[in-house]
Amino acid sequence: RREARYVVTDLSVELVVSKFRDEAETEGDIYVPEYQRSLAWNEEQSSYFIESLILRVPVPPVFLYDVEGRLEIVDGSQRIRSLVRYLRDGFALRGLEKLDILNGYHFADLPPSVQ
């Protein structure tokens, strides 16, 4: 019987965004491996996730695997990709119901207190 060893670590959003790259071949310290599916969430689904974060709704943790000093995303790639895209102004929020006043907002448009 093998024992799995793991470490629980909190990574800041800033760190994840700065170190993330979407493909394993790039230089990113946090990356999506080739066996993972490509981005499946559309902008509305990604917007719902961002809305959950703004509302401070608990979201599941992401799981990363250390591969020679780089962190491979095992679970959570859709969440990380959506977050990174939004923080880099890759799309405007849409389809929100609870925070519908934020529909059409890119990250840079959000008030600093919400960012």
PDB file of N, CA and C in Angstrom:
ATOM      1  N   ARG A   1       0.840  -1.178   0.000  1.00  0.00           N
ATOM      2  CA  ARG A   1       0.000   0.000   0.000  1.00  0.00           C
ATOM      3  C   ARG A   1       0.886   1.243   0.000  1.00  0.00           C
ATOM      4  N   ARG A   2       0.657   2.141  -0.971  1.00  0.00           N
ATOM      5  CA  ARG A   2       1.452   3.367  -1.063  1.00  0.00           C
ATOM      6  C   ARG A   2       0.742   4.505  -0.353  1.00  0.00           C
ATOM      7  N   GLU A   3       1.520   5.321   0.259  1.00  0.00           N
ATOM      8  CA  GLU A   3       0.972   6.479   0.955  1.00  0.00           C
ATOM      9  C   GLU A   3       1.178   7.720   0.091  1.00  0.00           C
ATOM     10  N   ALA A   4       0.125   8.474  -0.087  1.00  0.00           N
ATOM     11  CA  ALA A   4       0.228   9.712  -0.860  1.00  0.00           C
ATOM     12  C   ALA A   4       0.707  10.827   0.058  1.00  0.00           C
ATOM     13  N   ARG A   5       1.707  11.549  -0.393  1.00  0.00           N
ATOM     14  CA  ARG A   5       2.195  12.692   0.363  1.00  0.00           C
ATOM     15  C   ARG A   5       1.706  13.961  -0.314  1.00  0.00           C
ATOM     16  N   TYR A   6       1.283  14.902   0.484  1.00  0.00           N
ATOM     17  CA  TYR A   6       0.807  16.153  -0.083  1.00  0.00           C
ATOM     18  C   TYR A   6       1.061  17.295   0.890  1.00  0.00           C
ATOM     19  N   VAL A   7       1.017  18.488   0.343  1.00  0.00           N
ATOM     20  CA  VAL A   7       1.204  19.700   1.133  1.00  0.00           C
ATOM     21  C   VAL A   7       0.070  20.647   0.779  1.00  0.00           C
ATOM     22  N   VAL A   8      -0.543  21.233   1.777  1.00  0.00           N
ATOM     23  CA  VAL A   8      -1.589  22.228   1.553  1.00  0.00           C
ATOM     24  C   VAL A   8      -0.930  23.598   1.634  1.00  0.00           C
ATOM     25  N   THR A   9      -1.084  24.377   0.578  1.00  0.00           N
ATOM     26  CA  THR A   9      -0.472  25.697   0.506  1.00  0.00           C
ATOM     27  C   THR A   9      -1.474  26.690  -0.047  1.00  0.00           C
ATOM     28  N   ASP A  10      -1.480  27.870   0.501  1.00  0.00           N
ATOM     29  CA  ASP A  10      -2.298  28.945  -0.049  1.00  0.00           C
ATOM     30  C   ASP A  10      -1.439  29.755  -1.006  1.00  0.00           C
ATOM     31  N   LEU A  11      -1.937  29.931  -2.226  1.00  0.00           N
ATOM     32  CA  LEU A  11      -1.261  30.767  -3.211  1.00  0.00           C
ATOM     33  C   LEU A  11      -2.134  31.980  -3.474  1.00  0.00           C
ATOM     34  N   SER A  12      -1.532  33.148  -3.527  1.00  0.00           N
ATOM     35  CA  SER A  12      -2.313  34.354  -3.792  1.00  0.00           C
ATOM     36  C   SER A  12      -2.759  34.377  -5.253  1.00  0.00           C
ATOM     37  N   VAL A  13      -3.846  35.078  -5.498  1.00  0.00           N
ATOM     38  CA  VAL A  13      -4.337  35.237  -6.870  1.00  0.00           C
ATOM     39  C   VAL A  13      -3.257  35.893  -7.723  1.00  0.00           C
ATOM     40  N   GLU A  14      -2.584  36.890  -7.176  1.00  0.00           N
ATOM     41  CA  GLU A  14      -1.536  37.592  -7.915  1.00  0.00           C
ATOM     42  C   GLU A  14      -0.438  36.634  -8.362  1.00  0.00           C
ATOM     43  N   LEU A  15      -0.043  35.730  -7.470  1.00  0.00           N
ATOM     44  CA  LEU A  15       1.001  34.763  -7.802  1.00  0.00           C
ATOM     45  C   LEU A  15       0.536  33.815  -8.897  1.00  0.00           C
ATOM     46  N   VAL A  16      -0.664  33.285  -8.759  1.00  0.00           N
ATOM     47  CA  VAL A  16      -1.184  32.352  -9.768  1.00  0.00           C
ATOM     48  C   VAL A  16      -1.253  33.027 -11.127  1.00  0.00           C
ATOM     49  N   VAL A  17      -1.784  34.244 -11.179  1.00  0.00           N
ATOM     50  CA  VAL A  17      -1.918  34.955 -12.454  1.00  0.00           C
ATOM     51  C   VAL A  17      -0.550  35.231 -13.065  1.00  0.00           C
ATOM     52  N   SER A  18       0.412  35.645 -12.261  1.00  0.00           N
ATOM     53  CA  SER A  18       1.731  35.981 -12.808  1.00  0.00           C
ATOM     54  C   SER A  18       2.505  34.754 -13.284  1.00  0.00           C
ATOM     55  N   LYS A  19       2.259  33.598 -12.686  1.00  0.00           N
ATOM     56  CA  LYS A  19       3.014  32.387 -13.027  1.00  0.00           C
ATOM     57  C   LYS A  19       2.292  31.459 -13.994  1.00  0.00           C
ATOM     58  N   PHE A  20       1.020  31.739 -14.290  1.00  0.00           N
ATOM     59  CA  PHE A  20       0.212  30.837 -15.117  1.00  0.00           C
ATOM     60  C   PHE A  20       0.522  30.981 -16.604  1.00  0.00           C
ATOM     61  N   ARG A  21       0.595  29.829 -17.284  1.00  0.00           N
ATOM     62  CA  ARG A  21       0.652  29.756 -18.742  1.00  0.00           C
ATOM     63  C   ARG A  21      -0.291  28.643 -19.143  1.00  0.00           C
ATOM     64  N   ASP A  22      -0.941  28.806 -20.287  1.00  0.00           N
ATOM     65  CA  ASP A  22      -2.007  27.886 -20.672  1.00  0.00           C
ATOM     66  C   ASP A  22      -1.505  26.560 -21.234  1.00  0.00           C
ATOM     67  N   GLU A  23      -0.254  26.474 -21.608  1.00  0.00           N
ATOM     68  CA  GLU A  23       0.244  25.238 -22.217  1.00  0.00           C
ATOM     69  C   GLU A  23       1.527  24.784 -21.538  1.00  0.00           C
ATOM     70  N   ALA A  24       1.729  23.490 -21.505  1.00  0.00           N
ATOM     71  CA  ALA A  24       2.889  22.910 -20.818  1.00  0.00           C
ATOM     72  C   ALA A  24       4.213  23.324 -21.459  1.00  0.00           C
ATOM     73  N   GLU A  25       4.212  23.624 -22.759  1.00  0.00           N
ATOM     74  CA  GLU A  25       5.465  23.917 -23.450  1.00  0.00           C
ATOM     75  C   GLU A  25       6.030  25.288 -23.102  1.00  0.00           C
ATOM     76  N   THR A  26       5.219  26.166 -22.548  1.00  0.00           N
ATOM     77  CA  THR A  26       5.685  27.519 -22.276  1.00  0.00           C
ATOM     78  C   THR A  26       6.467  27.564 -20.974  1.00  0.00           C
ATOM     79  N   GLU A  27       6.947  28.724 -20.655  1.00  0.00           N
ATOM     80  CA  GLU A  27       7.821  28.905 -19.503  1.00  0.00           C
ATOM     81  C   GLU A  27       7.093  29.050 -18.169  1.00  0.00           C
ATOM     82  N   GLY A  28       5.781  28.986 -18.157  1.00  0.00           N
ATOM     83  CA  GLY A  28       5.032  29.232 -16.925  1.00  0.00           C
ATOM     84  C   GLY A  28       5.336  28.240 -15.819  1.00  0.00           C
ATOM     85  N   ASP A  29       5.336  28.735 -14.598  1.00  0.00           N
ATOM     86  CA  ASP A  29       5.557  27.873 -13.436  1.00  0.00           C
ATOM     87  C   ASP A  29       4.288  27.133 -13.040  1.00  0.00           C
ATOM     88  N   ILE A  30       3.127  27.649 -13.461  1.00  0.00           N
ATOM     89  CA  ILE A  30       1.837  26.996 -13.242  1.00  0.00           C
ATOM     90  C   ILE A  30       1.225  26.812 -14.621  1.00  0.00           C
ATOM     91  N   TYR A  31       0.901  25.573 -14.976  1.00  0.00           N
ATOM     92  CA  TYR A  31       0.453  25.327 -16.350  1.00  0.00           C
ATOM     93  C   TYR A  31      -0.606  24.236 -16.425  1.00  0.00           C
ATOM     94  N   VAL A  32      -1.316  24.248 -17.550  1.00  0.00           N
ATOM     95  CA  VAL A  32      -2.316  23.219 -17.843  1.00  0.00           C
ATOM     96  C   VAL A  32      -1.622  22.153 -18.682  1.00  0.00           C
ATOM     97  N   PRO A  33      -1.573  20.908 -18.220  1.00  0.00           N
ATOM     98  CA  PRO A  33      -0.903  19.856 -18.989  1.00  0.00           C
ATOM     99  C   PRO A  33      -1.688  19.495 -20.248  1.00  0.00           C
ATOM    100  N   GLU A  34      -1.006  18.857 -21.172  1.00  0.00           N
ATOM    101  CA  GLU A  34      -1.609  18.500 -22.458  1.00  0.00           C
ATOM    102  C   GLU A  34      -2.823  17.591 -22.316  1.00  0.00           C
ATOM    103  N   TYR A  35      -2.841  16.729 -21.293  1.00  0.00           N
ATOM    104  CA  TYR A  35      -3.956  15.791 -21.167  1.00  0.00           C
ATOM    105  C   TYR A  35      -5.253  16.469 -20.714  1.00  0.00           C
ATOM    106  N   GLN A  36      -5.173  17.705 -20.231  1.00  0.00           N
ATOM    107  CA  GLN A  36      -6.381  18.426 -19.822  1.00  0.00           C
ATOM    108  C   GLN A  36      -7.126  18.923 -21.055  1.00  0.00           C
ATOM    109  N   ARG A  37      -8.445  18.996 -20.943  1.00  0.00           N
ATOM    110  CA  ARG A  37      -9.231  19.537 -22.049  1.00  0.00           C
ATOM    111  C   ARG A  37      -8.978  21.034 -22.159  1.00  0.00           C
ATOM    112  N   SER A  38      -9.241  21.565 -23.346  1.00  0.00           N
ATOM    113  CA  SER A  38      -9.063  22.999 -23.537  1.00  0.00           C
ATOM    114  C   SER A  38     -10.176  23.749 -22.807  1.00  0.00           C
ATOM    115  N   LEU A  39     -10.095  25.055 -22.813  1.00  0.00           N
ATOM    116  CA  LEU A  39     -11.093  25.863 -22.117  1.00  0.00           C
ATOM    117  C   LEU A  39     -12.475  25.507 -22.620  1.00  0.00           C
ATOM    118  N   ALA A  40     -13.326  25.049 -21.720  1.00  0.00           N
ATOM    119  CA  ALA A  40     -14.673  24.616 -22.088  1.00  0.00           C
ATOM    120  C   ALA A  40     -15.730  25.633 -21.681  1.00  0.00           C
ATOM    121  N   TRP A  41     -15.435  26.449 -20.683  1.00  0.00           N
ATOM    122  CA  TRP A  41     -16.424  27.411 -20.219  1.00  0.00           C
ATOM    123  C   TRP A  41     -16.537  28.569 -21.192  1.00  0.00           C
ATOM    124  N   ASN A  42     -17.769  28.952 -21.496  1.00  0.00           N
ATOM    125  CA  ASN A  42     -17.965  30.153 -22.306  1.00  0.00           C
ATOM    126  C   ASN A  42     -17.907  31.369 -21.377  1.00  0.00           C
ATOM    127  N   GLU A  43     -18.046  32.557 -21.949  1.00  0.00           N
ATOM    128  CA  GLU A  43     -17.908  33.770 -21.140  1.00  0.00           C
ATOM    129  C   GLU A  43     -18.987  33.883 -20.067  1.00  0.00           C
ATOM    130  N   GLU A  44     -20.175  33.380 -20.343  1.00  0.00           N
ATOM    131  CA  GLU A  44     -21.233  33.449 -19.341  1.00  0.00           C
ATOM    132  C   GLU A  44     -20.924  32.520 -18.162  1.00  0.00           C
ATOM    133  N   GLN A  45     -20.456  31.319 -18.446  1.00  0.00           N
ATOM    134  CA  GLN A  45     -20.082  30.398 -17.368  1.00  0.00           C
ATOM    135  C   GLN A  45     -18.919  30.966 -16.554  1.00  0.00           C
ATOM    136  N   SER A  46     -17.951  31.540 -17.252  1.00  0.00           N
ATOM    137  CA  SER A  46     -16.825  32.171 -16.561  1.00  0.00           C
ATOM    138  C   SER A  46     -17.310  33.342 -15.714  1.00  0.00           C
ATOM    139  N   SER A  47     -18.284  34.086 -16.218  1.00  0.00           N
ATOM    140  CA  SER A  47     -18.845  35.217 -15.474  1.00  0.00           C
ATOM    141  C   SER A  47     -19.507  34.754 -14.185  1.00  0.00           C
ATOM    142  N   TYR A  48     -20.222  33.634 -14.245  1.00  0.00           N
ATOM    143  CA  TYR A  48     -20.851  33.092 -13.031  1.00  0.00           C
ATOM    144  C   TYR A  48     -19.794  32.766 -11.978  1.00  0.00           C
ATOM    145  N   PHE A  49     -18.667  32.220 -12.430  1.00  0.00           N
ATOM    146  CA  PHE A  49     -17.592  31.896 -11.498  1.00  0.00           C
ATOM    147  C   PHE A  49     -17.032  33.171 -10.866  1.00  0.00           C
ATOM    148  N   ILE A  50     -16.778  34.192 -11.684  1.00  0.00           N
ATOM    149  CA  ILE A  50     -16.266  35.463 -11.167  1.00  0.00           C
ATOM    150  C   ILE A  50     -17.270  36.068 -10.186  1.00  0.00           C
ATOM    151  N   GLU A  51     -18.558  35.988 -10.526  1.00  0.00           N
ATOM    152  CA  GLU A  51     -19.601  36.491  -9.630  1.00  0.00           C
ATOM    153  C   GLU A  51     -19.532  35.766  -8.277  1.00  0.00           C
ATOM    154  N   SER A  52     -19.328  34.465  -8.300  1.00  0.00           N
ATOM    155  CA  SER A  52     -19.209  33.700  -7.054  1.00  0.00           C
ATOM    156  C   SER A  52     -18.049  34.204  -6.209  1.00  0.00           C
ATOM    157  N   LEU A  53     -16.935  34.513  -6.863  1.00  0.00           N
ATOM    158  CA  LEU A  53     -15.778  35.026  -6.126  1.00  0.00           C
ATOM    159  C   LEU A  53     -16.081  36.386  -5.514  1.00  0.00           C
ATOM    160  N   ILE A  54     -16.710  37.259  -6.289  1.00  0.00           N
ATOM    161  CA  ILE A  54     -17.043  38.589  -5.778  1.00  0.00           C
ATOM    162  C   ILE A  54     -17.993  38.484  -4.588  1.00  0.00           C
ATOM    163  N   LEU A  55     -18.930  37.549  -4.673  1.00  0.00           N
ATOM    164  CA  LEU A  55     -19.895  37.347  -3.587  1.00  0.00           C
ATOM    165  C   LEU A  55     -19.310  36.551  -2.417  1.00  0.00           C
ATOM    166  N   ARG A  56     -18.075  36.103  -2.579  1.00  0.00           N
ATOM    167  CA  ARG A  56     -17.382  35.306  -1.559  1.00  0.00           C
ATOM    168  C   ARG A  56     -18.066  33.971  -1.284  1.00  0.00           C
ATOM    169  N   VAL A  57     -18.638  33.407  -2.330  1.00  0.00           N
ATOM    170  CA  VAL A  57     -19.213  32.066  -2.235  1.00  0.00           C
ATOM    171  C   VAL A  57     -18.042  31.078  -2.198  1.00  0.00           C
ATOM    172  N   PRO A  58     -18.028  30.140  -1.276  1.00  0.00           N
ATOM    173  CA  PRO A  58     -16.924  29.172  -1.242  1.00  0.00           C
ATOM    174  C   PRO A  58     -16.845  28.385  -2.556  1.00  0.00           C
ATOM    175  N   VAL A  59     -15.650  28.277  -3.074  1.00  0.00           N
ATOM    176  CA  VAL A  59     -15.421  27.498  -4.294  1.00  0.00           C
ATOM    177  C   VAL A  59     -14.447  26.375  -3.957  1.00  0.00           C
ATOM    178  N   PRO A  60     -14.515  25.282  -4.699  1.00  0.00           N
ATOM    179  CA  PRO A  60     -13.607  24.164  -4.408  1.00  0.00           C
ATOM    180  C   PRO A  60     -12.141  24.567  -4.605  1.00  0.00           C
ATOM    181  N   PRO A  61     -11.246  23.931  -3.872  1.00  0.00           N
ATOM    182  CA  PRO A  61      -9.820  24.220  -4.071  1.00  0.00           C
ATOM    183  C   PRO A  61      -9.350  23.675  -5.414  1.00  0.00           C
ATOM    184  N   VAL A  62      -8.236  24.200  -5.873  1.00  0.00           N
ATOM    185  CA  VAL A  62      -7.605  23.636  -7.067  1.00  0.00           C
ATOM    186  C   VAL A  62      -6.499  22.703  -6.588  1.00  0.00           C
ATOM    187  N   PHE A  63      -6.181  21.729  -7.417  1.00  0.00           N
ATOM    188  CA  PHE A  63      -5.141  20.769  -7.075  1.00  0.00           C
ATOM    189  C   PHE A  63      -4.011  20.885  -8.085  1.00  0.00           C
ATOM    190  N   LEU A  64      -2.800  21.046  -7.558  1.00  0.00           N
ATOM    191  CA  LEU A  64      -1.606  21.207  -8.381  1.00  0.00           C
ATOM    192  C   LEU A  64      -0.625  20.099  -8.030  1.00  0.00           C
ATOM    193  N   TYR A  65       0.143  19.677  -9.026  1.00  0.00           N
ATOM    194  CA  TYR A  65       1.138  18.623  -8.833  1.00  0.00           C
ATOM    195  C   TYR A  65       2.503  19.184  -9.191  1.00  0.00           C
ATOM    196  N   ASP A  66       3.454  19.050  -8.291  1.00  0.00           N
ATOM    197  CA  ASP A  66       4.801  19.568  -8.518  1.00  0.00           C
ATOM    198  C   ASP A  66       5.561  18.635  -9.450  1.00  0.00           C
ATOM    199  N   VAL A  67       5.905  19.149 -10.617  1.00  0.00           N
ATOM    200  CA  VAL A  67       6.681  18.401 -11.603  1.00  0.00           C
ATOM    201  C   VAL A  67       7.982  19.166 -11.820  1.00  0.00           C
ATOM    202  N   GLU A  68       9.018  18.722 -11.139  1.00  0.00           N
ATOM    203  CA  GLU A  68      10.340  19.325 -11.268  1.00  0.00           C
ATOM    204  C   GLU A  68      10.309  20.837 -11.069  1.00  0.00           C
ATOM    205  N   GLY A  69       9.617  21.274 -10.028  1.00  0.00           N
ATOM    206  CA  GLY A  69       9.591  22.690  -9.695  1.00  0.00           C
ATOM    207  C   GLY A  69       8.508  23.506 -10.370  1.00  0.00           C
ATOM    208  N   ARG A  70       7.798  22.898 -11.309  1.00  0.00           N
ATOM    209  CA  ARG A  70       6.669  23.578 -11.964  1.00  0.00           C
ATOM    210  C   ARG A  70       5.387  22.943 -11.448  1.00  0.00           C
ATOM    211  N   LEU A  71       4.314  23.722 -11.406  1.00  0.00           N
ATOM    212  CA  LEU A  71       3.048  23.226 -10.875  1.00  0.00           C
ATOM    213  C   LEU A  71       2.070  22.937 -12.002  1.00  0.00           C
ATOM    214  N   GLU A  72       1.736  21.660 -12.146  1.00  0.00           N
ATOM    215  CA  GLU A  72       0.783  21.195 -13.155  1.00  0.00           C
ATOM    216  C   GLU A  72      -0.612  21.226 -12.540  1.00  0.00           C
ATOM    217  N   ILE A  73      -1.563  21.814 -13.257  1.00  0.00           N
ATOM    218  CA  ILE A  73      -2.933  21.879 -12.755  1.00  0.00           C
ATOM    219  C   ILE A  73      -3.600  20.531 -12.988  1.00  0.00           C
ATOM    220  N   VAL A  74      -3.937  19.850 -11.903  1.00  0.00           N
ATOM    221  CA  VAL A  74      -4.597  18.550 -11.968  1.00  0.00           C
ATOM    222  C   VAL A  74      -6.110  18.744 -11.985  1.00  0.00           C
ATOM    223  N   ASP A  75      -6.603  19.632 -11.147  1.00  0.00           N
ATOM    224  CA  ASP A  75      -8.032  19.931 -11.095  1.00  0.00           C
ATOM    225  C   ASP A  75      -8.198  21.417 -10.834  1.00  0.00           C
ATOM    226  N   GLY A  76      -9.056  22.051 -11.623  1.00  0.00           N
ATOM    227  CA  GLY A  76      -9.320  23.479 -11.447  1.00  0.00           C
ATOM    228  C   GLY A  76      -8.897  24.323 -12.626  1.00  0.00           C
ATOM    229  N   SER A  77      -8.558  23.683 -13.748  1.00  0.00           N
ATOM    230  CA  SER A  77      -8.057  24.469 -14.881  1.00  0.00           C
ATOM    231  C   SER A  77      -9.105  25.430 -15.439  1.00  0.00           C
ATOM    232  N   GLN A  78     -10.385  25.032 -15.456  1.00  0.00           N
ATOM    233  CA  GLN A  78     -11.421  25.939 -15.969  1.00  0.00           C
ATOM    234  C   GLN A  78     -11.534  27.172 -15.067  1.00  0.00           C
ATOM    235  N   ARG A  79     -11.453  26.956 -13.768  1.00  0.00           N
ATOM    236  CA  ARG A  79     -11.536  28.076 -12.824  1.00  0.00           C
ATOM    237  C   ARG A  79     -10.328  28.991 -12.951  1.00  0.00           C
ATOM    238  N   ILE A  80      -9.139  28.411 -13.008  1.00  0.00           N
ATOM    239  CA  ILE A  80      -7.934  29.237 -13.119  1.00  0.00           C
ATOM    240  C   ILE A  80      -7.918  29.971 -14.451  1.00  0.00           C
ATOM    241  N   ARG A  81      -8.220  29.281 -15.543  1.00  0.00           N
ATOM    242  CA  ARG A  81      -8.227  29.935 -16.853  1.00  0.00           C
ATOM    243  C   ARG A  81      -9.234  31.078 -16.899  1.00  0.00           C
ATOM    244  N   SER A  82     -10.425  30.843 -16.354  1.00  0.00           N
ATOM    245  CA  SER A  82     -11.447  31.895 -16.348  1.00  0.00           C
ATOM    246  C   SER A  82     -10.990  33.094 -15.526  1.00  0.00           C
ATOM    247  N   LEU A  83     -10.434  32.832 -14.365  1.00  0.00           N
ATOM    248  CA  LEU A  83      -9.955  33.909 -13.506  1.00  0.00           C
ATOM    249  C   LEU A  83      -8.849  34.704 -14.189  1.00  0.00           C
ATOM    250  N   VAL A  84      -7.871  34.008 -14.744  1.00  0.00           N
ATOM    251  CA  VAL A  84      -6.754  34.682 -15.408  1.00  0.00           C
ATOM    252  C   VAL A  84      -7.254  35.505 -16.588  1.00  0.00           C
ATOM    253  N   ARG A  85      -8.127  34.923 -17.409  1.00  0.00           N
ATOM    254  CA  ARG A  85      -8.674  35.675 -18.554  1.00  0.00           C
ATOM    255  C   ARG A  85      -9.383  36.938 -18.090  1.00  0.00           C
ATOM    256  N   TYR A  86     -10.188  36.832 -17.041  1.00  0.00           N
ATOM    257  CA  TYR A  86     -10.922  38.000 -16.570  1.00  0.00           C
ATOM    258  C   TYR A  86      -9.974  39.053 -16.000  1.00  0.00           C
ATOM    259  N   LEU A  87      -9.023  38.644 -15.189  1.00  0.00           N
ATOM    260  CA  LEU A  87      -8.088  39.600 -14.594  1.00  0.00           C
ATOM    261  C   LEU A  87      -7.217  40.280 -15.643  1.00  0.00           C
ATOM    262  N   ARG A  88      -7.024  39.636 -16.766  1.00  0.00           N
ATOM    263  CA  ARG A  88      -6.252  40.237 -17.868  1.00  0.00           C
ATOM    264  C   ARG A  88      -7.169  40.953 -18.857  1.00  0.00           C
ATOM    265  N   ASP A  89      -8.389  41.263 -18.425  1.00  0.00           N
ATOM    266  CA  ASP A  89      -9.400  41.966 -19.232  1.00  0.00           C
ATOM    267  C   ASP A  89      -9.756  41.223 -20.510  1.00  0.00           C
ATOM    268  N   GLY A  90      -9.773  39.890 -20.448  1.00  0.00           N
ATOM    269  CA  GLY A  90     -10.077  39.074 -21.615  1.00  0.00           C
ATOM    270  C   GLY A  90     -11.547  39.004 -21.985  1.00  0.00           C
ATOM    271  N   PHE A  91     -12.437  39.381 -21.073  1.00  0.00           N
ATOM    272  CA  PHE A  91     -13.867  39.392 -21.385  1.00  0.00           C
ATOM    273  C   PHE A  91     -14.594  40.269 -20.375  1.00  0.00           C
ATOM    274  N   ALA A  92     -15.807  40.675 -20.755  1.00  0.00           N
ATOM    275  CA  ALA A  92     -16.673  41.445 -19.861  1.00  0.00           C
ATOM    276  C   ALA A  92     -17.679  40.492 -19.221  1.00  0.00           C
ATOM    277  N   LEU A  93     -18.053  40.784 -18.006  1.00  0.00           N
ATOM    278  CA  LEU A  93     -19.050  39.968 -17.311  1.00  0.00           C
ATOM    279  C   LEU A  93     -20.373  40.025 -18.057  1.00  0.00           C
ATOM    280  N   ARG A  94     -21.073  38.894 -18.088  1.00  0.00           N
ATOM    281  CA  ARG A  94     -22.363  38.842 -18.774  1.00  0.00           C
ATOM    282  C   ARG A  94     -23.234  37.759 -18.161  1.00  0.00           C
ATOM    283  N   GLY A  95     -24.529  37.982 -18.222  1.00  0.00           N
ATOM    284  CA  GLY A  95     -25.479  36.989 -17.740  1.00  0.00           C
ATOM    285  C   GLY A  95     -25.605  36.900 -16.229  1.00  0.00           C
ATOM    286  N   LEU A  96     -25.002  37.857 -15.509  1.00  0.00           N
ATOM    287  CA  LEU A  96     -25.080  37.806 -14.051  1.00  0.00           C
ATOM    288  C   LEU A  96     -26.498  38.109 -13.589  1.00  0.00           C
ATOM    289  N   GLU A  97     -26.926  37.422 -12.549  1.00  0.00           N
ATOM    290  CA  GLU A  97     -28.263  37.638 -12.002  1.00  0.00           C
ATOM    291  C   GLU A  97     -28.212  38.344 -10.649  1.00  0.00           C
ATOM    292  N   LYS A  98     -27.351  37.904  -9.774  1.00  0.00           N
ATOM    293  CA  LYS A  98     -27.249  38.517  -8.441  1.00  0.00           C
ATOM    294  C   LYS A  98     -26.606  39.902  -8.511  1.00  0.00           C
ATOM    295  N   LEU A  99     -25.550  40.016  -9.297  1.00  0.00           N
ATOM    296  CA  LEU A  99     -24.825  41.286  -9.445  1.00  0.00           C
ATOM    297  C   LEU A  99     -25.003  41.821 -10.866  1.00  0.00           C
ATOM    298  N   ASP A 100     -26.243  41.864 -11.331  1.00  0.00           N
ATOM    299  CA  ASP A 100     -26.502  42.244 -12.723  1.00  0.00           C
ATOM    300  C   ASP A 100     -25.996  43.638 -13.066  1.00  0.00           C
ATOM    301  N   ILE A 101     -25.798  44.494 -12.070  1.00  0.00           N
ATOM    302  CA  ILE A 101     -25.259  45.825 -12.316  1.00  0.00           C
ATOM    303  C   ILE A 101     -23.836  45.754 -12.880  1.00  0.00           C
ATOM    304  N   LEU A 102     -23.152  44.615 -12.678  1.00  0.00           N
ATOM    305  CA  LEU A 102     -21.776  44.458 -13.168  1.00  0.00           C
ATOM    306  C   LEU A 102     -21.706  43.872 -14.578  1.00  0.00           C
ATOM    307  N   ASN A 103     -22.840  43.512 -15.166  1.00  0.00           N
ATOM    308  CA  ASN A 103     -22.822  43.011 -16.546  1.00  0.00           C
ATOM    309  C   ASN A 103     -22.193  44.065 -17.452  1.00  0.00           C
ATOM    310  N   GLY A 104     -21.295  43.625 -18.315  1.00  0.00           N
ATOM    311  CA  GLY A 104     -20.593  44.528 -19.220  1.00  0.00           C
ATOM    312  C   GLY A 104     -19.272  45.046 -18.671  1.00  0.00           C
ATOM    313  N   TYR A 105     -18.957  44.733 -17.423  1.00  0.00           N
ATOM    314  CA  TYR A 105     -17.728  45.224 -16.805  1.00  0.00           C
ATOM    315  C   TYR A 105     -16.559  44.287 -17.092  1.00  0.00           C
ATOM    316  N   HIS A 106     -15.462  44.883 -17.570  1.00  0.00           N
ATOM    317  CA  HIS A 106     -14.179  44.192 -17.588  1.00  0.00           C
ATOM    318  C   HIS A 106     -13.573  44.369 -16.195  1.00  0.00           C
ATOM    319  N   PHE A 107     -12.521  43.635 -15.900  1.00  0.00           N
ATOM    320  CA  PHE A 107     -11.894  43.750 -14.583  1.00  0.00           C
ATOM    321  C   PHE A 107     -11.480  45.187 -14.295  1.00  0.00           C
ATOM    322  N   ALA A 108     -10.876  45.860 -15.270  1.00  0.00           N
ATOM    323  CA  ALA A 108     -10.401  47.232 -15.076  1.00  0.00           C
ATOM    324  C   ALA A 108     -11.542  48.202 -14.788  1.00  0.00           C
ATOM    325  N   ASP A 109     -12.768  47.845 -15.174  1.00  0.00           N
ATOM    326  CA  ASP A 109     -13.932  48.708 -14.946  1.00  0.00           C
ATOM    327  C   ASP A 109     -14.489  48.590 -13.529  1.00  0.00           C
ATOM    328  N   LEU A 110     -14.147  47.529 -12.832  1.00  0.00           N
ATOM    329  CA  LEU A 110     -14.688  47.307 -11.490  1.00  0.00           C
ATOM    330  C   LEU A 110     -14.151  48.346 -10.515  1.00  0.00           C
ATOM    331  N   PRO A 111     -14.971  48.754  -9.565  1.00  0.00           N
ATOM    332  CA  PRO A 111     -14.463  49.648  -8.525  1.00  0.00           C
ATOM    333  C   PRO A 111     -13.325  48.956  -7.767  1.00  0.00           C
ATOM    334  N   PRO A 112     -12.338  49.719  -7.322  1.00  0.00           N
ATOM    335  CA  PRO A 112     -11.212  49.112  -6.594  1.00  0.00           C
ATOM    336  C   PRO A 112     -11.648  48.244  -5.417  1.00  0.00           C
ATOM    337  N   SER A 113     -12.731  48.599  -4.755  1.00  0.00           N
ATOM    338  CA  SER A 113     -13.184  47.810  -3.607  1.00  0.00           C
ATOM    339  C   SER A 113     -13.664  46.423  -4.015  1.00  0.00           C
ATOM    340  N   VAL A 114     -14.050  46.256  -5.271  1.00  0.00           N
ATOM    341  CA  VAL A 114     -14.508  44.958  -5.775  1.00  0.00           C
ATOM    342  C   VAL A 114     -13.342  44.177  -6.366  1.00  0.00           C
ATOM    343  N   GLN A 115     -12.391  44.898  -6.955  1.00  0.00           N
ATOM    344  CA  GLN A 115     -11.228  44.227  -7.539  1.00  0.00           C
ATOM    345  C   GLN A 115     -10.485  43.452  -6.477  1.00  0.00           C
TER     346      GLN A 115
END
